């Protein structure tokens, strides 16, 4: 893909995820190529200062996720009411993590 050889900052990568369908396709293809059937996608905490750091993440094998069923209606008040919002930030149902969608 055209993005493989290029080192991006978090700011650049997030901008491309928002605005470039080619980048999103390449990124999704990279995730799909993972050897894991299910995985956690993790990255360091992101701040204004660290936004210029090199974009990196890890995929962690998550066998427990293989049997989890998606709950698309779990966050209707957040997802339905913000159709025009590009980014939504809210706590997960267990209140122990922050979700960024």
PDB file of N, CA and C in Angstrom:
ATOM      1  N   UNK A   1       0.844  -1.185   0.000  1.00  0.00           N
ATOM      2  CA  UNK A   1       0.000   0.000   0.000  1.00  0.00           C
ATOM      3  C   UNK A   1       0.883   1.239   0.000  1.00  0.00           C
ATOM      4  N   UNK A   2       0.353   2.380  -0.385  1.00  0.00           N
ATOM      5  CA  UNK A   2       1.175   3.588  -0.446  1.00  0.00           C
ATOM      6  C   UNK A   2       1.567   4.115   0.924  1.00  0.00           C
ATOM      7  N   UNK A   3       0.986   3.610   2.009  1.00  0.00           N
ATOM      8  CA  UNK A   3       1.242   4.135   3.338  1.00  0.00           C
ATOM      9  C   UNK A   3       2.244   3.299   4.120  1.00  0.00           C
ATOM     10  N   UNK A   4       2.608   2.114   3.634  1.00  0.00           N
ATOM     11  CA  UNK A   4       3.466   1.206   4.390  1.00  0.00           C
ATOM     12  C   UNK A   4       4.827   1.791   4.726  1.00  0.00           C
ATOM     13  N   UNK A   5       5.462   2.430   3.778  1.00  0.00           N
ATOM     14  CA  UNK A   5       6.835   2.888   3.972  1.00  0.00           C
ATOM     15  C   UNK A   5       6.914   4.245   4.662  1.00  0.00           C
ATOM     16  N   UNK A   6       5.794   4.907   4.834  1.00  0.00           N
ATOM     17  CA  UNK A   6       5.805   6.253   5.381  1.00  0.00           C
ATOM     18  C   UNK A   6       5.558   6.228   6.881  1.00  0.00           C
ATOM     19  N   UNK A   7       6.426   6.910   7.614  1.00  0.00           N
ATOM     20  CA  UNK A   7       6.241   7.052   9.049  1.00  0.00           C
ATOM     21  C   UNK A   7       5.318   8.241   9.292  1.00  0.00           C
ATOM     22  N   UNK A   8       4.247   8.021  10.032  1.00  0.00           N
ATOM     23  CA  UNK A   8       3.265   9.065  10.286  1.00  0.00           C
ATOM     24  C   UNK A   8       3.216   9.398  11.768  1.00  0.00           C
ATOM     25  N   UNK A   9       2.869  10.618  12.086  1.00  0.00           N
ATOM     26  CA  UNK A   9       2.594  10.982  13.477  1.00  0.00           C
ATOM     27  C   UNK A   9       1.162  10.552  13.786  1.00  0.00           C
ATOM     28  N   UNK A  10       0.834  10.526  15.076  1.00  0.00           N
ATOM     29  CA  UNK A  10      -0.550  10.221  15.453  1.00  0.00           C
ATOM     30  C   UNK A  10      -1.501  11.227  14.815  1.00  0.00           C
ATOM     31  N   UNK A  11      -1.120  12.495  14.843  1.00  0.00           N
ATOM     32  CA  UNK A  11      -1.973  13.529  14.262  1.00  0.00           C
ATOM     33  C   UNK A  11      -2.229  13.260  12.777  1.00  0.00           C
ATOM     34  N   UNK A  12      -1.170  12.926  12.041  1.00  0.00           N
ATOM     35  CA  UNK A  12      -1.324  12.645  10.615  1.00  0.00           C
ATOM     36  C   UNK A  12      -2.185  11.403  10.384  1.00  0.00           C
ATOM     37  N   UNK A  13      -1.937  10.353  11.162  1.00  0.00           N
ATOM     38  CA  UNK A  13      -2.691   9.113  10.981  1.00  0.00           C
ATOM     39  C   UNK A  13      -4.172   9.324  11.283  1.00  0.00           C
ATOM     40  N   UNK A  14      -4.483  10.023  12.359  1.00  0.00           N
ATOM     41  CA  UNK A  14      -5.880  10.271  12.695  1.00  0.00           C
ATOM     42  C   UNK A  14      -6.552  11.153  11.655  1.00  0.00           C
ATOM     43  N   UNK A  15      -5.820  12.119  11.130  1.00  0.00           N
ATOM     44  CA  UNK A  15      -6.359  12.954  10.062  1.00  0.00           C
ATOM     45  C   UNK A  15      -6.664  12.106   8.822  1.00  0.00           C
ATOM     46  N   UNK A  16      -5.744  11.226   8.470  1.00  0.00           N
ATOM     47  CA  UNK A  16      -5.967  10.348   7.318  1.00  0.00           C
ATOM     48  C   UNK A  16      -7.119   9.380   7.551  1.00  0.00           C
ATOM     49  N   UNK A  17      -7.244   8.857   8.762  1.00  0.00           N
ATOM     50  CA  UNK A  17      -8.371   7.967   9.061  1.00  0.00           C
ATOM     51  C   UNK A  17      -9.700   8.695   8.885  1.00  0.00           C
ATOM     52  N   UNK A  18      -9.707   9.971   9.199  1.00  0.00           N
ATOM     53  CA  UNK A  18     -10.921  10.769   9.067  1.00  0.00           C
ATOM     54  C   UNK A  18     -11.219  11.147   7.622  1.00  0.00           C
ATOM     55  N   UNK A  19     -10.173  11.468   6.861  1.00  0.00           N
ATOM     56  CA  UNK A  19     -10.393  12.092   5.562  1.00  0.00           C
ATOM     57  C   UNK A  19     -10.018  11.271   4.330  1.00  0.00           C
ATOM     58  N   UNK A  20      -9.293  10.174   4.498  1.00  0.00           N
ATOM     59  CA  UNK A  20      -8.810   9.438   3.328  1.00  0.00           C
ATOM     60  C   UNK A  20      -9.366   8.014   3.265  1.00  0.00           C
ATOM     61  N   UNK A  21     -10.233   7.775   2.315  1.00  0.00           N
ATOM     62  CA  UNK A  21     -10.776   6.417   2.164  1.00  0.00           C
ATOM     63  C   UNK A  21      -9.671   5.437   1.762  1.00  0.00           C
ATOM     64  N   UNK A  22      -8.672   5.891   1.012  1.00  0.00           N
ATOM     65  CA  UNK A  22      -7.546   5.018   0.647  1.00  0.00           C
ATOM     66  C   UNK A  22      -6.772   4.586   1.893  1.00  0.00           C
ATOM     67  N   UNK A  23      -6.530   5.534   2.790  1.00  0.00           N
ATOM     68  CA  UNK A  23      -5.816   5.200   4.021  1.00  0.00           C
ATOM     69  C   UNK A  23      -6.639   4.244   4.875  1.00  0.00           C
ATOM     70  N   UNK A  24      -7.940   4.526   5.022  1.00  0.00           N
ATOM     71  CA  UNK A  24      -8.805   3.639   5.806  1.00  0.00           C
ATOM     72  C   UNK A  24      -8.807   2.237   5.221  1.00  0.00           C
ATOM     73  N   UNK A  25      -8.861   2.129   3.914  1.00  0.00           N
ATOM     74  CA  UNK A  25      -8.829   0.808   3.272  1.00  0.00           C
ATOM     75  C   UNK A  25      -7.519   0.091   3.558  1.00  0.00           C
ATOM     76  N   UNK A  26      -6.408   0.807   3.457  1.00  0.00           N
ATOM     77  CA  UNK A  26      -5.100   0.216   3.747  1.00  0.00           C
ATOM     78  C   UNK A  26      -4.992  -0.191   5.208  1.00  0.00           C
ATOM     79  N   UNK A  27      -5.479   0.659   6.085  1.00  0.00           N
ATOM     80  CA  UNK A  27      -5.420   0.378   7.508  1.00  0.00           C
ATOM     81  C   UNK A  27      -6.282  -0.845   7.846  1.00  0.00           C
ATOM     82  N   UNK A  28      -7.488  -0.894   7.300  1.00  0.00           N
ATOM     83  CA  UNK A  28      -8.367  -2.044   7.528  1.00  0.00           C
ATOM     84  C   UNK A  28      -7.761  -3.321   6.970  1.00  0.00           C
ATOM     85  N   UNK A  29      -7.106  -3.227   5.822  1.00  0.00           N
ATOM     86  CA  UNK A  29      -6.451  -4.404   5.239  1.00  0.00           C
ATOM     87  C   UNK A  29      -5.331  -4.894   6.158  1.00  0.00           C
ATOM     88  N   UNK A  30      -4.589  -3.961   6.748  1.00  0.00           N
ATOM     89  CA  UNK A  30      -3.517  -4.349   7.669  1.00  0.00           C
ATOM     90  C   UNK A  30      -4.094  -5.049   8.896  1.00  0.00           C
ATOM     91  N   UNK A  31      -5.188  -4.539   9.432  1.00  0.00           N
ATOM     92  CA  UNK A  31      -5.829  -5.186  10.582  1.00  0.00           C
ATOM     93  C   UNK A  31      -6.372  -6.557  10.196  1.00  0.00           C
ATOM     94  N   UNK A  32      -6.960  -6.654   9.035  1.00  0.00           N
ATOM     95  CA  UNK A  32      -7.513  -7.936   8.571  1.00  0.00           C
ATOM     96  C   UNK A  32      -6.437  -8.985   8.347  1.00  0.00           C
ATOM     97  N   UNK A  33      -5.235  -8.547   8.064  1.00  0.00           N
ATOM     98  CA  UNK A  33      -4.126  -9.473   7.815  1.00  0.00           C
ATOM     99  C   UNK A  33      -3.526 -10.023   9.113  1.00  0.00           C
ATOM    100  N   UNK A  34      -4.040  -9.578  10.238  1.00  0.00           N
ATOM    101  CA  UNK A  34      -3.534 -10.055  11.524  1.00  0.00           C
ATOM    102  C   UNK A  34      -3.692 -11.575  11.613  1.00  0.00           C
ATOM    103  N   UNK A  35      -2.752 -12.239  12.245  1.00  0.00           N
ATOM    104  CA  UNK A  35      -2.882 -13.689  12.418  1.00  0.00           C
ATOM    105  C   UNK A  35      -3.921 -14.071  13.477  1.00  0.00           C
ATOM    106  N   UNK A  36      -4.435 -13.074  14.198  1.00  0.00           N
ATOM    107  CA  UNK A  36      -5.379 -13.345  15.281  1.00  0.00           C
ATOM    108  C   UNK A  36      -6.815 -13.363  14.774  1.00  0.00           C
ATOM    109  N   UNK A  37      -7.588 -14.316  15.259  1.00  0.00           N
ATOM    110  CA  UNK A  37      -9.010 -14.378  14.907  1.00  0.00           C
ATOM    111  C   UNK A  37      -9.769 -13.215  15.543  1.00  0.00           C
ATOM    112  N   UNK A  38      -9.358 -12.847  16.746  1.00  0.00           N
ATOM    113  CA  UNK A  38      -9.913 -11.684  17.440  1.00  0.00           C
ATOM    114  C   UNK A  38      -8.765 -11.028  18.200  1.00  0.00           C
ATOM    115  N   UNK A  39      -8.844  -9.724  18.352  1.00  0.00           N
ATOM    116  CA  UNK A  39      -7.730  -9.027  19.003  1.00  0.00           C
ATOM    117  C   UNK A  39      -8.172  -7.734  19.651  1.00  0.00           C
ATOM    118  N   UNK A  40      -7.342  -7.285  20.586  1.00  0.00           N
ATOM    119  CA  UNK A  40      -7.450  -5.941  21.143  1.00  0.00           C
ATOM    120  C   UNK A  40      -6.503  -5.066  20.334  1.00  0.00           C
ATOM    121  N   UNK A  41      -6.949  -3.874  20.002  1.00  0.00           N
ATOM    122  CA  UNK A  41      -6.120  -2.889  19.304  1.00  0.00           C
ATOM    123  C   UNK A  41      -5.707  -1.881  20.362  1.00  0.00           C
ATOM    124  N   UNK A  42      -4.413  -1.764  20.626  1.00  0.00           N
ATOM    125  CA  UNK A  42      -3.942  -0.897  21.699  1.00  0.00           C
ATOM    126  C   UNK A  42      -2.895   0.076  21.190  1.00  0.00           C
ATOM    127  N   UNK A  43      -2.917   1.253  21.804  1.00  0.00           N
ATOM    128  CA  UNK A  43      -1.904   2.262  21.515  1.00  0.00           C
ATOM    129  C   UNK A  43      -1.678   3.073  22.782  1.00  0.00           C
ATOM    130  N   UNK A  44      -0.558   3.777  22.858  1.00  0.00           N
ATOM    131  CA  UNK A  44      -0.284   4.584  24.052  1.00  0.00           C
ATOM    132  C   UNK A  44      -1.321   5.690  24.220  1.00  0.00           C
ATOM    133  N   UNK A  45      -1.400   6.201  25.427  1.00  0.00           N
ATOM    134  CA  UNK A  45      -2.268   7.346  25.698  1.00  0.00           C
ATOM    135  C   UNK A  45      -1.882   8.488  24.765  1.00  0.00           C
ATOM    136  N   UNK A  46      -2.860   9.139  24.210  1.00  0.00           N
ATOM    137  CA  UNK A  46      -2.611  10.215  23.259  1.00  0.00           C
ATOM    138  C   UNK A  46      -2.944  11.557  23.884  1.00  0.00           C
ATOM    139  N   UNK A  47      -2.011  12.489  23.795  1.00  0.00           N
ATOM    140  CA  UNK A  47      -2.202  13.852  24.296  1.00  0.00           C
ATOM    141  C   UNK A  47      -1.844  14.826  23.177  1.00  0.00           C
ATOM    142  N   UNK A  48      -2.098  16.108  23.404  1.00  0.00           N
ATOM    143  CA  UNK A  48      -1.700  17.116  22.413  1.00  0.00           C
ATOM    144  C   UNK A  48      -0.196  17.033  22.156  1.00  0.00           C
ATOM    145  N   UNK A  49       0.571  16.844  23.214  1.00  0.00           N
ATOM    146  CA  UNK A  49       2.023  16.791  23.074  1.00  0.00           C
ATOM    147  C   UNK A  49       2.474  15.532  22.332  1.00  0.00           C
ATOM    148  N   UNK A  50       1.876  14.395  22.649  1.00  0.00           N
ATOM    149  CA  UNK A  50       2.307  13.141  22.011  1.00  0.00           C
ATOM    150  C   UNK A  50       1.724  12.952  20.612  1.00  0.00           C
ATOM    151  N   UNK A  51       0.830  13.830  20.197  1.00  0.00           N
ATOM    152  CA  UNK A  51       0.213  13.710  18.872  1.00  0.00           C
ATOM    153  C   UNK A  51       1.238  13.784  17.738  1.00  0.00           C
ATOM    154  N   UNK A  52       2.406  14.353  18.015  1.00  0.00           N
ATOM    155  CA  UNK A  52       3.451  14.435  16.993  1.00  0.00           C
ATOM    156  C   UNK A  52       4.386  13.229  17.018  1.00  0.00           C
ATOM    157  N   UNK A  53       4.213  12.346  18.003  1.00  0.00           N
ATOM    158  CA  UNK A  53       5.025  11.124  18.043  1.00  0.00           C
ATOM    159  C   UNK A  53       4.649  10.207  16.893  1.00  0.00           C
ATOM    160  N   UNK A  54       5.554   9.284  16.599  1.00  0.00           N
ATOM    161  CA  UNK A  54       5.304   8.331  15.520  1.00  0.00           C
ATOM    162  C   UNK A  54       4.099   7.453  15.849  1.00  0.00           C
ATOM    163  N   UNK A  55       3.183   7.330  14.921  1.00  0.00           N
ATOM    164  CA  UNK A  55       1.985   6.515  15.075  1.00  0.00           C
ATOM    165  C   UNK A  55       2.378   5.050  15.158  1.00  0.00           C
ATOM    166  N   UNK A  56       1.937   4.397  16.227  1.00  0.00           N
ATOM    167  CA  UNK A  56       2.199   2.974  16.382  1.00  0.00           C
ATOM    168  C   UNK A  56       1.108   2.368  17.249  1.00  0.00           C
ATOM    169  N   UNK A  57       0.918   1.074  17.079  1.00  0.00           N
ATOM    170  CA  UNK A  57      -0.077   0.358  17.854  1.00  0.00           C
ATOM    171  C   UNK A  57       0.328  -1.107  17.895  1.00  0.00           C
ATOM    172  N   UNK A  58      -0.323  -1.855  18.767  1.00  0.00           N
ATOM    173  CA  UNK A  58      -0.106  -3.302  18.823  1.00  0.00           C
ATOM    174  C   UNK A  58      -1.461  -3.992  18.757  1.00  0.00           C
ATOM    175  N   UNK A  59      -1.458  -5.175  18.216  1.00  0.00           N
ATOM    176  CA  UNK A  59      -2.626  -6.047  18.242  1.00  0.00           C
ATOM    177  C   UNK A  59      -2.301  -7.166  19.220  1.00  0.00           C
ATOM    178  N   UNK A  60      -3.196  -7.386  20.164  1.00  0.00           N
ATOM    179  CA  UNK A  60      -2.995  -8.399  21.185  1.00  0.00           C
ATOM    180  C   UNK A  60      -4.053  -9.480  21.000  1.00  0.00           C
ATOM    181  N   UNK A  61      -3.611 -10.705  20.857  1.00  0.00           N
ATOM    182  CA  UNK A  61      -4.527 -11.828  20.691  1.00  0.00           C
ATOM    183  C   UNK A  61      -5.558 -11.811  21.816  1.00  0.00           C
ATOM    184  N   UNK A  62      -6.831 -11.959  21.466  1.00  0.00           N
ATOM    185  CA  UNK A  62      -7.916 -11.895  22.457  1.00  0.00           C
ATOM    186  C   UNK A  62      -8.907 -13.031  22.222  1.00  0.00           C
ATOM    187  N   UNK A  63      -8.525 -14.252  22.564  1.00  0.00           N
ATOM    188  CA  UNK A  63      -9.417 -15.391  22.343  1.00  0.00           C
ATOM    189  C   UNK A  63     -10.784 -15.218  23.013  1.00  0.00           C
ATOM    190  N   UNK A  64     -10.832 -14.525  24.149  1.00  0.00           N
ATOM    191  CA  UNK A  64     -12.110 -14.333  24.843  1.00  0.00           C
ATOM    192  C   UNK A  64     -13.114 -13.543  24.008  1.00  0.00           C
ATOM    193  N   UNK A  65     -12.642 -12.743  23.077  1.00  0.00           N
ATOM    194  CA  UNK A  65     -13.556 -11.956  22.228  1.00  0.00           C
ATOM    195  C   UNK A  65     -14.244 -12.802  21.155  1.00  0.00           C
ATOM    196  N   UNK A  66     -13.744 -13.987  20.904  1.00  0.00           N
ATOM    197  CA  UNK A  66     -14.307 -14.818  19.831  1.00  0.00           C
ATOM    198  C   UNK A  66     -15.763 -15.171  20.061  1.00  0.00           C
ATOM    199  N   UNK A  67     -16.175 -15.241  21.303  1.00  0.00           N
ATOM    200  CA  UNK A  67     -17.556 -15.633  21.610  1.00  0.00           C
ATOM    201  C   UNK A  67     -18.440 -14.447  21.996  1.00  0.00           C
ATOM    202  N   UNK A  68     -17.885 -13.250  22.010  1.00  0.00           N
ATOM    203  CA  UNK A  68     -18.658 -12.068  22.373  1.00  0.00           C
ATOM    204  C   UNK A  68     -19.525 -11.648  21.199  1.00  0.00           C
ATOM    205  N   UNK A  69     -20.777 -11.395  21.479  1.00  0.00           N
ATOM    206  CA  UNK A  69     -21.707 -10.940  20.445  1.00  0.00           C
ATOM    207  C   UNK A  69     -21.764  -9.408  20.474  1.00  0.00           C
ATOM    208  N   UNK A  70     -21.733  -8.800  19.309  1.00  0.00           N
ATOM    209  CA  UNK A  70     -21.821  -7.338  19.208  1.00  0.00           C
ATOM    210  C   UNK A  70     -23.163  -6.866  19.738  1.00  0.00           C
ATOM    211  N   UNK A  71     -23.150  -5.721  20.376  1.00  0.00           N
ATOM    212  CA  UNK A  71     -24.365  -5.104  20.885  1.00  0.00           C
ATOM    213  C   UNK A  71     -24.500  -3.723  20.239  1.00  0.00           C
ATOM    214  N   UNK A  72     -24.958  -3.683  18.999  1.00  0.00           N
ATOM    215  CA  UNK A  72     -24.981  -2.403  18.273  1.00  0.00           C
ATOM    216  C   UNK A  72     -25.861  -1.334  18.915  1.00  0.00           C
ATOM    217  N   UNK A  73     -26.775  -1.702  19.793  1.00  0.00           N
ATOM    218  CA  UNK A  73     -27.653  -0.711  20.426  1.00  0.00           C
ATOM    219  C   UNK A  73     -27.195  -0.373  21.837  1.00  0.00           C
ATOM    220  N   UNK A  74     -25.962  -0.712  22.204  1.00  0.00           N
ATOM    221  CA  UNK A  74     -25.476  -0.486  23.563  1.00  0.00           C
ATOM    222  C   UNK A  74     -25.311   1.000  23.907  1.00  0.00           C
ATOM    223  N   UNK A  75     -25.073   1.851  22.936  1.00  0.00           N
ATOM    224  CA  UNK A  75     -24.808   3.267  23.194  1.00  0.00           C
ATOM    225  C   UNK A  75     -25.688   4.172  22.325  1.00  0.00           C
ATOM    226  N   UNK A  76     -26.995   3.950  22.284  1.00  0.00           N
ATOM    227  CA  UNK A  76     -27.830   4.751  21.364  1.00  0.00           C
ATOM    228  C   UNK A  76     -27.822   6.237  21.676  1.00  0.00           C
ATOM    229  N   UNK A  77     -27.783   6.605  22.950  1.00  0.00           N
ATOM    230  CA  UNK A  77     -27.824   8.029  23.310  1.00  0.00           C
ATOM    231  C   UNK A  77     -26.576   8.752  22.827  1.00  0.00           C
ATOM    232  N   UNK A  78     -25.483   8.046  22.658  1.00  0.00           N
ATOM    233  CA  UNK A  78     -24.233   8.658  22.226  1.00  0.00           C
ATOM    234  C   UNK A  78     -24.101   8.604  20.707  1.00  0.00           C
ATOM    235  N   UNK A  79     -24.381   7.457  20.141  1.00  0.00           N
ATOM    236  CA  UNK A  79     -24.161   7.278  18.708  1.00  0.00           C
ATOM    237  C   UNK A  79     -25.291   7.850  17.855  1.00  0.00           C
ATOM    238  N   UNK A  80     -26.541   7.687  18.268  1.00  0.00           N
ATOM    239  CA  UNK A  80     -27.663   8.176  17.465  1.00  0.00           C
ATOM    240  C   UNK A  80     -27.793   9.689  17.504  1.00  0.00           C
ATOM    241  N   UNK A  81     -27.493  10.308  18.629  1.00  0.00           N
ATOM    242  CA  UNK A  81     -27.681  11.743  18.773  1.00  0.00           C
ATOM    243  C   UNK A  81     -26.576  12.577  18.173  1.00  0.00           C
ATOM    244  N   UNK A  82     -25.526  11.939  17.674  1.00  0.00           N
ATOM    245  CA  UNK A  82     -24.365  12.681  17.164  1.00  0.00           C
ATOM    246  C   UNK A  82     -24.033  12.278  15.737  1.00  0.00           C
ATOM    247  N   UNK A  83     -25.033  12.180  14.904  1.00  0.00           N
ATOM    248  CA  UNK A  83     -24.814  11.706  13.539  1.00  0.00           C
ATOM    249  C   UNK A  83     -23.784  12.544  12.784  1.00  0.00           C
ATOM    250  N   UNK A  84     -23.679  13.817  13.102  1.00  0.00           N
ATOM    251  CA  UNK A  84     -22.743  14.683  12.386  1.00  0.00           C
ATOM    252  C   UNK A  84     -21.374  14.765  13.057  1.00  0.00           C
ATOM    253  N   UNK A  85     -21.269  14.255  14.268  1.00  0.00           N
ATOM    254  CA  UNK A  85     -19.994  14.323  14.991  1.00  0.00           C
ATOM    255  C   UNK A  85     -18.992  13.374  14.343  1.00  0.00           C
ATOM    256  N   UNK A  86     -17.798  13.860  14.083  1.00  0.00           N
ATOM    257  CA  UNK A  86     -16.765  13.013  13.495  1.00  0.00           C
ATOM    258  C   UNK A  86     -16.159  12.086  14.530  1.00  0.00           C
ATOM    259  N   UNK A  87     -16.032  12.575  15.760  1.00  0.00           N
ATOM    260  CA  UNK A  87     -15.422  11.794  16.830  1.00  0.00           C
ATOM    261  C   UNK A  87     -16.295  11.895  18.065  1.00  0.00           C
ATOM    262  N   UNK A  88     -16.495  10.759  18.697  1.00  0.00           N
ATOM    263  CA  UNK A  88     -17.251  10.717  19.945  1.00  0.00           C
ATOM    264  C   UNK A  88     -16.365  10.078  21.000  1.00  0.00           C
ATOM    265  N   UNK A  89     -16.357  10.619  22.206  1.00  0.00           N
ATOM    266  CA  UNK A  89     -15.552  10.095  23.312  1.00  0.00           C
ATOM    267  C   UNK A  89     -16.497   9.867  24.481  1.00  0.00           C
ATOM    268  N   UNK A  90     -16.494   8.639  25.021  1.00  0.00           N
ATOM    269  CA  UNK A  90     -17.398   8.314  26.117  1.00  0.00           C
ATOM    270  C   UNK A  90     -16.888   7.081  26.862  1.00  0.00           C
ATOM    271  N   UNK A  91     -17.329   6.909  28.133  1.00  0.00           N
ATOM    272  CA  UNK A  91     -16.878   5.741  28.901  1.00  0.00           C
ATOM    273  C   UNK A  91     -17.572   4.473  28.410  1.00  0.00           C
ATOM    274  N   UNK A  92     -16.894   3.345  28.565  1.00  0.00           N
ATOM    275  CA  UNK A  92     -17.519   2.071  28.212  1.00  0.00           C
ATOM    276  C   UNK A  92     -18.570   1.725  29.266  1.00  0.00           C
ATOM    277  N   UNK A  93     -19.317   0.656  29.025  1.00  0.00           N
ATOM    278  CA  UNK A  93     -20.392   0.288  29.943  1.00  0.00           C
ATOM    279  C   UNK A  93     -19.880  -0.052  31.337  1.00  0.00           C
ATOM    280  N   UNK A  94     -18.672  -0.598  31.425  1.00  0.00           N
ATOM    281  CA  UNK A  94     -18.104  -0.937  32.730  1.00  0.00           C
ATOM    282  C   UNK A  94     -17.466   0.253  33.433  1.00  0.00           C
ATOM    283  N   UNK A  95     -17.424   1.401  32.766  1.00  0.00           N
ATOM    284  CA  UNK A  95     -16.838   2.627  33.318  1.00  0.00           C
ATOM    285  C   UNK A  95     -15.349   2.493  33.651  1.00  0.00           C
ATOM    286  N   UNK A  96     -14.656   1.549  32.986  1.00  0.00           N
ATOM    287  CA  UNK A  96     -13.227   1.366  33.275  1.00  0.00           C
ATOM    288  C   UNK A  96     -12.337   1.652  32.071  1.00  0.00           C
ATOM    289  N   UNK A  97     -12.928   2.206  31.012  1.00  0.00           N
ATOM    290  CA  UNK A  97     -12.151   2.557  29.815  1.00  0.00           C
ATOM    291  C   UNK A  97     -12.879   3.675  29.091  1.00  0.00           C
ATOM    292  N   UNK A  98     -12.151   4.397  28.279  1.00  0.00           N
ATOM    293  CA  UNK A  98     -12.714   5.464  27.459  1.00  0.00           C
ATOM    294  C   UNK A  98     -12.739   4.967  26.018  1.00  0.00           C
ATOM    295  N   UNK A  99     -13.885   5.106  25.381  1.00  0.00           N
ATOM    296  CA  UNK A  99     -14.046   4.716  23.988  1.00  0.00           C
ATOM    297  C   UNK A  99     -13.965   5.948  23.109  1.00  0.00           C
ATOM    298  N   UNK A 100     -13.262   5.834  22.015  1.00  0.00           N
ATOM    299  CA  UNK A 100     -13.172   6.912  21.025  1.00  0.00           C
ATOM    300  C   UNK A 100     -13.645   6.316  19.710  1.00  0.00           C
ATOM    301  N   UNK A 101     -14.747   6.845  19.205  1.00  0.00           N
ATOM    302  CA  UNK A 101     -15.362   6.314  17.986  1.00  0.00           C
ATOM    303  C   UNK A 101     -15.401   7.411  16.954  1.00  0.00           C
TER     304      UNK A 101
END
